[in-house]
Amino acid sequence: MKKLTKSQKNNLIIQKLQEMYPSAGPELVFHNPFETLVATILSAQCTDVQVNKVTPEVFRRYPDAFAMAECPEEDLYALVRSCGFASKAKNIINASKILVEKYNGKVPNDMDSLQELPGVGRKTANVVMANAFHVPSIAVDTHVFRVSNRIGLAKAKNVEETEKQLMKNIPQEKWIDAHHWLIFHGRRVCKARNPLCKDCDLQELCDYYKKIKKEI
């Protein structure tokens, strides 16, 4: 492959990811901004598969912020305990109370307001902005951080800097989709412990592969 500029390489990586995962999208199941918020809070350090197992009953019993704000913490925790920390139940209920008190039960569609809610950091806020309101944003979870830095879309030591570099290196109109492409690639090919480099269609563009090529 001929020598590419950084911009050309980034564009080829994005093009290739799009070709590899044309149907990529959220693997969490939700139908409105409130469900998006709750499911994303539950997904912290938990698999989407597990979250999707518990949320149907959660949303059946507590379909909106008004119902959730009245939920006893122990009742919600009993439903979501398989998703990890007890603090998740507390945060969801307290966030719902704020939604009722400040926003008439609706989830706000700006980053600052979202991050003021319990249990909502920048990553969660970005997910809600992108998936609930279709606002261009890139949520950097463990998969996005690992894959983007391995391939070379970013060269950063933390998620904040990775997000900034991805926003610079990826066209804004593709931010939302690129987030999903990178997650799909991380879960299916560029795994944390045993990346399937031999089977990866990004070999010739990947910085990580160039480093380990001799070993495999």
Foldseek 3Di string as FASTA:
>chain_A
DDDDDLLVLLVVVLVVLCVVCVPFDDLADDDALLLLLLLLLLPVVFDSVLSNVQVVVVCVQQVFLVRLLPDDLVVVCVRRVVSDDSVSSVQSNQLSVCCVVPPVRDDDQDQVVQCVGRSDDNLSSQSSNCPRVVQQAARDDPQNVQQCCQQVCDPDDDDVRSRVSNPVNDDSVCRNVVNRSSNVCQVPAVDDPDGNQVPDPSLVRGPNNVVCVVVD
